[in-house]
């Protein structure tokens, strides 16, 4: 376990991790939220959720029991500090009075089969955690829970960003 004296030490450590093991992918989440599932209080009024998964993040079948593979749909991750900072500011503005935690994982992390990190074709600072094979929503929930359990966290990242 390493101790960091200043924020620059942490940034240097993360950059070194990126070079050694792959790109750092991060998600800012309001305090108390899940890094992979949404609560109704975390989304705009009228946004539909299926077992905590936001319709629009993934491609669902008409019956909403299946998730269909799509290389430009999935859970969103920031792939660099500047992109993360912008999303962090947006989350902070939409959640006044709540701290924002940053959950992160390395691109080369051991993720479940049928999930894959894919760069956004419109913005190389943004990645999707996509589905590569048709699966039930229950299966996706299990796989996302597995990912969430292995993500690292920076609690109240205000000072870090």
C-alpha atoms as a PDB file:
ATOM      1  CA  UNK A   1       0.000   0.000   0.000  1.00  0.00           C
ATOM      2  CA  UNK A   2       1.379   3.389  -0.984  1.00  0.00           C
ATOM      3  CA  UNK A   3       0.637   6.674   0.741  1.00  0.00           C
ATOM      4  CA  UNK A   4       0.237   9.811  -1.359  1.00  0.00           C
ATOM      5  CA  UNK A   5       1.346  13.114   0.113  1.00  0.00           C
ATOM      6  CA  UNK A   6      -0.083  15.365  -2.557  1.00  0.00           C
ATOM      7  CA  UNK A   7      -2.572  15.072  -5.392  1.00  0.00           C
ATOM      8  CA  UNK A   8       0.221  15.209  -7.985  1.00  0.00           C
ATOM      9  CA  UNK A   9       1.610  11.957  -6.540  1.00  0.00           C
ATOM     10  CA  UNK A  10      -1.760  10.281  -7.131  1.00  0.00           C
ATOM     11  CA  UNK A  11      -2.000  11.622 -10.707  1.00  0.00           C
ATOM     12  CA  UNK A  12       1.533  10.380 -11.457  1.00  0.00           C
ATOM     13  CA  UNK A  13       0.686   6.973  -9.986  1.00  0.00           C
ATOM     14  CA  UNK A  14      -2.469   6.713 -12.121  1.00  0.00           C
ATOM     15  CA  UNK A  15      -0.563   7.735 -15.273  1.00  0.00           C
ATOM     16  CA  UNK A  16       2.020   5.044 -14.491  1.00  0.00           C
ATOM     17  CA  UNK A  17      -0.772   2.476 -14.050  1.00  0.00           C
ATOM     18  CA  UNK A  18      -2.234   3.498 -17.405  1.00  0.00           C
ATOM     19  CA  UNK A  19       1.101   2.970 -19.150  1.00  0.00           C
ATOM     20  CA  UNK A  20       1.783  -0.376 -17.453  1.00  0.00           C
ATOM     21  CA  UNK A  21      -1.642  -1.984 -17.456  1.00  0.00           C
ATOM     22  CA  UNK A  22      -3.996  -0.093 -19.740  1.00  0.00           C
ATOM     23  CA  UNK A  23      -6.193   2.959 -19.857  1.00  0.00           C
ATOM     24  CA  UNK A  24      -7.931   4.248 -16.731  1.00  0.00           C
ATOM     25  CA  UNK A  25     -11.713   4.374 -17.154  1.00  0.00           C
ATOM     26  CA  UNK A  26     -13.772   6.279 -14.568  1.00  0.00           C
ATOM     27  CA  UNK A  27     -17.364   7.154 -13.646  1.00  0.00           C
ATOM     28  CA  UNK A  28     -18.353   9.959 -11.247  1.00  0.00           C
ATOM     29  CA  UNK A  29     -21.318   8.850  -9.119  1.00  0.00           C
ATOM     30  CA  UNK A  30     -23.402  10.797  -6.556  1.00  0.00           C
ATOM     31  CA  UNK A  31     -22.770   9.752  -2.960  1.00  0.00           C
ATOM     32  CA  UNK A  32     -24.689   6.592  -2.104  1.00  0.00           C
ATOM     33  CA  UNK A  33     -25.141   5.565  -5.735  1.00  0.00           C
ATOM     34  CA  UNK A  34     -23.935   2.453  -7.517  1.00  0.00           C
ATOM     35  CA  UNK A  35     -21.132   2.680 -10.080  1.00  0.00           C
ATOM     36  CA  UNK A  36     -23.150   0.592 -12.550  1.00  0.00           C
ATOM     37  CA  UNK A  37     -26.847   0.894 -11.648  1.00  0.00           C
ATOM     38  CA  UNK A  38     -29.119   3.924 -11.479  1.00  0.00           C
ATOM     39  CA  UNK A  39     -31.618   4.832  -8.785  1.00  0.00           C
ATOM     40  CA  UNK A  40     -34.761   6.662  -9.840  1.00  0.00           C
ATOM     41  CA  UNK A  41     -33.498   9.733  -7.940  1.00  0.00           C
ATOM     42  CA  UNK A  42     -30.340   9.773 -10.133  1.00  0.00           C
ATOM     43  CA  UNK A  43     -32.113  10.102 -13.491  1.00  0.00           C
ATOM     44  CA  UNK A  44     -34.360  12.674 -15.106  1.00  0.00           C
ATOM     45  CA  UNK A  45     -38.098  12.399 -14.526  1.00  0.00           C
ATOM     46  CA  UNK A  46     -39.605   9.989 -17.057  1.00  0.00           C
ATOM     47  CA  UNK A  47     -36.365   8.092 -17.680  1.00  0.00           C
ATOM     48  CA  UNK A  48     -37.132   4.385 -17.728  1.00  0.00           C
ATOM     49  CA  UNK A  49     -35.016   1.951 -15.726  1.00  0.00           C
ATOM     50  CA  UNK A  50     -34.983  -1.838 -16.033  1.00  0.00           C
ATOM     51  CA  UNK A  51     -33.456  -3.399 -12.910  1.00  0.00           C
ATOM     52  CA  UNK A  52     -31.372  -0.259 -12.411  1.00  0.00           C
ATOM     53  CA  UNK A  53     -30.167  -0.132 -16.031  1.00  0.00           C
ATOM     54  CA  UNK A  54     -31.132   3.004 -17.923  1.00  0.00           C
ATOM     55  CA  UNK A  55     -33.010   2.469 -21.177  1.00  0.00           C
ATOM     56  CA  UNK A  56     -30.809   4.182 -23.738  1.00  0.00           C
ATOM     57  CA  UNK A  57     -27.530   3.008 -22.232  1.00  0.00           C
ATOM     58  CA  UNK A  58     -27.984  -0.435 -23.767  1.00  0.00           C
ATOM     59  CA  UNK A  59     -30.001  -1.711 -26.720  1.00  0.00           C
ATOM     60  CA  UNK A  60     -33.029  -3.570 -25.322  1.00  0.00           C
ATOM     61  CA  UNK A  61     -35.459  -5.900 -27.079  1.00  0.00           C
ATOM     62  CA  UNK A  62     -39.060  -4.661 -27.367  1.00  0.00           C
ATOM     63  CA  UNK A  63     -40.090  -6.788 -24.374  1.00  0.00           C
ATOM     64  CA  UNK A  64     -37.134  -5.357 -22.381  1.00  0.00           C
ATOM     65  CA  UNK A  65     -36.094  -8.833 -21.214  1.00  0.00           C
ATOM     66  CA  UNK A  66     -33.057  -9.020 -23.509  1.00  0.00           C
ATOM     67  CA  UNK A  67     -30.039  -6.819 -24.164  1.00  0.00           C
ATOM     68  CA  UNK A  68     -28.829  -6.771 -27.786  1.00  0.00           C
ATOM     69  CA  UNK A  69     -25.142  -6.194 -28.663  1.00  0.00           C
ATOM     70  CA  UNK A  70     -24.274  -2.744 -29.976  1.00  0.00           C
ATOM     71  CA  UNK A  71     -20.723  -1.395 -30.179  1.00  0.00           C
ATOM     72  CA  UNK A  72     -21.761   2.206 -29.441  1.00  0.00           C
ATOM     73  CA  UNK A  73     -24.138   1.607 -26.544  1.00  0.00           C
ATOM     74  CA  UNK A  74     -23.245   0.709 -22.983  1.00  0.00           C
ATOM     75  CA  UNK A  75     -22.285   2.123 -19.638  1.00  0.00           C
ATOM     76  CA  UNK A  76     -20.304   5.366 -20.073  1.00  0.00           C
ATOM     77  CA  UNK A  77     -16.754   5.810 -18.805  1.00  0.00           C
ATOM     78  CA  UNK A  78     -14.368   8.761 -19.037  1.00  0.00           C
ATOM     79  CA  UNK A  79     -10.977   7.876 -20.466  1.00  0.00           C
ATOM     80  CA  UNK A  80      -8.990  10.948 -19.383  1.00  0.00           C
ATOM     81  CA  UNK A  81      -8.859  13.559 -16.611  1.00  0.00           C
ATOM     82  CA  UNK A  82     -10.285  16.406 -18.714  1.00  0.00           C
ATOM     83  CA  UNK A  83     -13.370  14.402 -19.771  1.00  0.00           C
ATOM     84  CA  UNK A  84     -13.830  13.116 -16.216  1.00  0.00           C
ATOM     85  CA  UNK A  85     -13.598  16.656 -14.841  1.00  0.00           C
ATOM     86  CA  UNK A  86     -16.385  17.833 -17.187  1.00  0.00           C
ATOM     87  CA  UNK A  87     -18.703  14.951 -16.268  1.00  0.00           C
ATOM     88  CA  UNK A  88     -17.852  15.460 -12.594  1.00  0.00           C
ATOM     89  CA  UNK A  89     -18.898  19.134 -12.788  1.00  0.00           C
ATOM     90  CA  UNK A  90     -22.163  18.135 -14.485  1.00  0.00           C
ATOM     91  CA  UNK A  91     -22.920  15.524 -11.771  1.00  0.00           C
ATOM     92  CA  UNK A  92     -22.054  18.053  -9.041  1.00  0.00           C
ATOM     93  CA  UNK A  93     -24.422  20.639 -10.510  1.00  0.00           C
ATOM     94  CA  UNK A  94     -27.275  18.104 -10.735  1.00  0.00           C
ATOM     95  CA  UNK A  95     -26.682  16.848  -7.176  1.00  0.00           C
ATOM     96  CA  UNK A  96     -26.232  19.935  -4.983  1.00  0.00           C
ATOM     97  CA  UNK A  97     -25.123  19.165  -1.443  1.00  0.00           C
ATOM     98  CA  UNK A  98     -24.004  15.620  -2.297  1.00  0.00           C
ATOM     99  CA  UNK A  99     -20.415  14.589  -2.654  1.00  0.00           C
ATOM    100  CA  UNK A 100     -19.440  12.887  -5.902  1.00  0.00           C
ATOM    101  CA  UNK A 101     -17.383   9.694  -5.735  1.00  0.00           C
ATOM    102  CA  UNK A 102     -15.277   8.512  -8.658  1.00  0.00           C
ATOM    103  CA  UNK A 103     -15.253   4.794  -9.422  1.00  0.00           C
ATOM    104  CA  UNK A 104     -12.548   3.553 -11.749  1.00  0.00           C
ATOM    105  CA  UNK A 105     -11.210   0.460 -13.438  1.00  0.00           C
ATOM    106  CA  UNK A 106      -8.405  -0.218 -15.890  1.00  0.00           C
ATOM    107  CA  UNK A 107      -9.346  -0.976 -19.492  1.00  0.00           C
ATOM    108  CA  UNK A 108      -7.307  -4.181 -19.349  1.00  0.00           C
ATOM    109  CA  UNK A 109      -9.147  -5.296 -16.194  1.00  0.00           C
ATOM    110  CA  UNK A 110     -10.529  -8.790 -16.001  1.00  0.00           C
ATOM    111  CA  UNK A 111     -14.179  -8.177 -16.944  1.00  0.00           C
ATOM    112  CA  UNK A 112     -16.834 -10.854 -17.519  1.00  0.00           C
ATOM    113  CA  UNK A 113     -17.159 -12.566 -20.872  1.00  0.00           C
ATOM    114  CA  UNK A 114     -19.634 -10.899 -23.208  1.00  0.00           C
ATOM    115  CA  UNK A 115     -18.675  -7.420 -21.927  1.00  0.00           C
ATOM    116  CA  UNK A 116     -16.058  -5.231 -23.593  1.00  0.00           C
ATOM    117  CA  UNK A 117     -14.739  -1.658 -23.377  1.00  0.00           C
ATOM    118  CA  UNK A 118     -15.184   0.089 -26.726  1.00  0.00           C
ATOM    119  CA  UNK A 119     -14.110   3.655 -27.589  1.00  0.00           C
ATOM    120  CA  UNK A 120     -16.871   6.083 -28.499  1.00  0.00           C
ATOM    121  CA  UNK A 121     -16.601   6.780 -32.244  1.00  0.00           C
ATOM    122  CA  UNK A 122     -17.576  10.425 -31.599  1.00  0.00           C
ATOM    123  CA  UNK A 123     -15.180  11.116 -28.693  1.00  0.00           C
ATOM    124  CA  UNK A 124     -11.971   9.181 -27.977  1.00  0.00           C
ATOM    125  CA  UNK A 125     -12.001  10.470 -24.378  1.00  0.00           C
ATOM    126  CA  UNK A 126     -15.151   8.413 -23.759  1.00  0.00           C
ATOM    127  CA  UNK A 127     -15.647   4.625 -23.672  1.00  0.00           C
ATOM    128  CA  UNK A 128     -18.649   2.308 -23.454  1.00  0.00           C
ATOM    129  CA  UNK A 129     -18.801  -0.928 -21.486  1.00  0.00           C
ATOM    130  CA  UNK A 130     -20.717  -2.808 -24.169  1.00  0.00           C
ATOM    131  CA  UNK A 131     -22.463  -6.146 -24.515  1.00  0.00           C
ATOM    132  CA  UNK A 132     -20.896  -8.403 -27.164  1.00  0.00           C
ATOM    133  CA  UNK A 133     -23.495 -11.182 -27.112  1.00  0.00           C
ATOM    134  CA  UNK A 134     -27.287 -11.165 -26.731  1.00  0.00           C
ATOM    135  CA  UNK A 135     -28.151 -11.852 -23.082  1.00  0.00           C
ATOM    136  CA  UNK A 136     -31.017 -11.562 -20.644  1.00  0.00           C
ATOM    137  CA  UNK A 137     -31.269  -8.470 -18.491  1.00  0.00           C
ATOM    138  CA  UNK A 138     -30.741 -10.730 -15.459  1.00  0.00           C
ATOM    139  CA  UNK A 139     -27.402 -11.888 -16.919  1.00  0.00           C
ATOM    140  CA  UNK A 140     -26.321  -8.304 -17.588  1.00  0.00           C
ATOM    141  CA  UNK A 141     -27.235  -7.345 -14.011  1.00  0.00           C
ATOM    142  CA  UNK A 142     -25.040 -10.178 -12.678  1.00  0.00           C
ATOM    143  CA  UNK A 143     -22.124  -9.178 -14.913  1.00  0.00           C
ATOM    144  CA  UNK A 144     -22.393  -5.479 -14.033  1.00  0.00           C
ATOM    145  CA  UNK A 145     -22.573  -6.343 -10.332  1.00  0.00           C
ATOM    146  CA  UNK A 146     -19.365  -8.352 -10.772  1.00  0.00           C
ATOM    147  CA  UNK A 147     -17.683  -5.325 -12.394  1.00  0.00           C
ATOM    148  CA  UNK A 148     -18.927  -2.958  -9.658  1.00  0.00           C
ATOM    149  CA  UNK A 149     -17.563  -5.206  -6.918  1.00  0.00           C
ATOM    150  CA  UNK A 150     -14.079  -4.919  -8.425  1.00  0.00           C
ATOM    151  CA  UNK A 151     -13.982  -1.175  -9.124  1.00  0.00           C
ATOM    152  CA  UNK A 152     -11.763   1.136  -7.076  1.00  0.00           C
ATOM    153  CA  UNK A 153     -13.205   4.297  -5.575  1.00  0.00           C
ATOM    154  CA  UNK A 154     -12.095   7.810  -4.729  1.00  0.00           C
ATOM    155  CA  UNK A 155     -14.610   9.074  -2.149  1.00  0.00           C
ATOM    156  CA  UNK A 156     -15.674  12.709  -2.505  1.00  0.00           C
ATOM    157  CA  UNK A 157     -13.328  13.459  -5.404  1.00  0.00           C
ATOM    158  CA  UNK A 158     -13.719  17.252  -5.083  1.00  0.00           C
ATOM    159  CA  UNK A 159     -10.087  17.732  -4.120  1.00  0.00           C
ATOM    160  CA  UNK A 160      -8.805  15.326  -6.763  1.00  0.00           C
ATOM    161  CA  UNK A 161     -10.557  17.038  -9.648  1.00  0.00           C
END
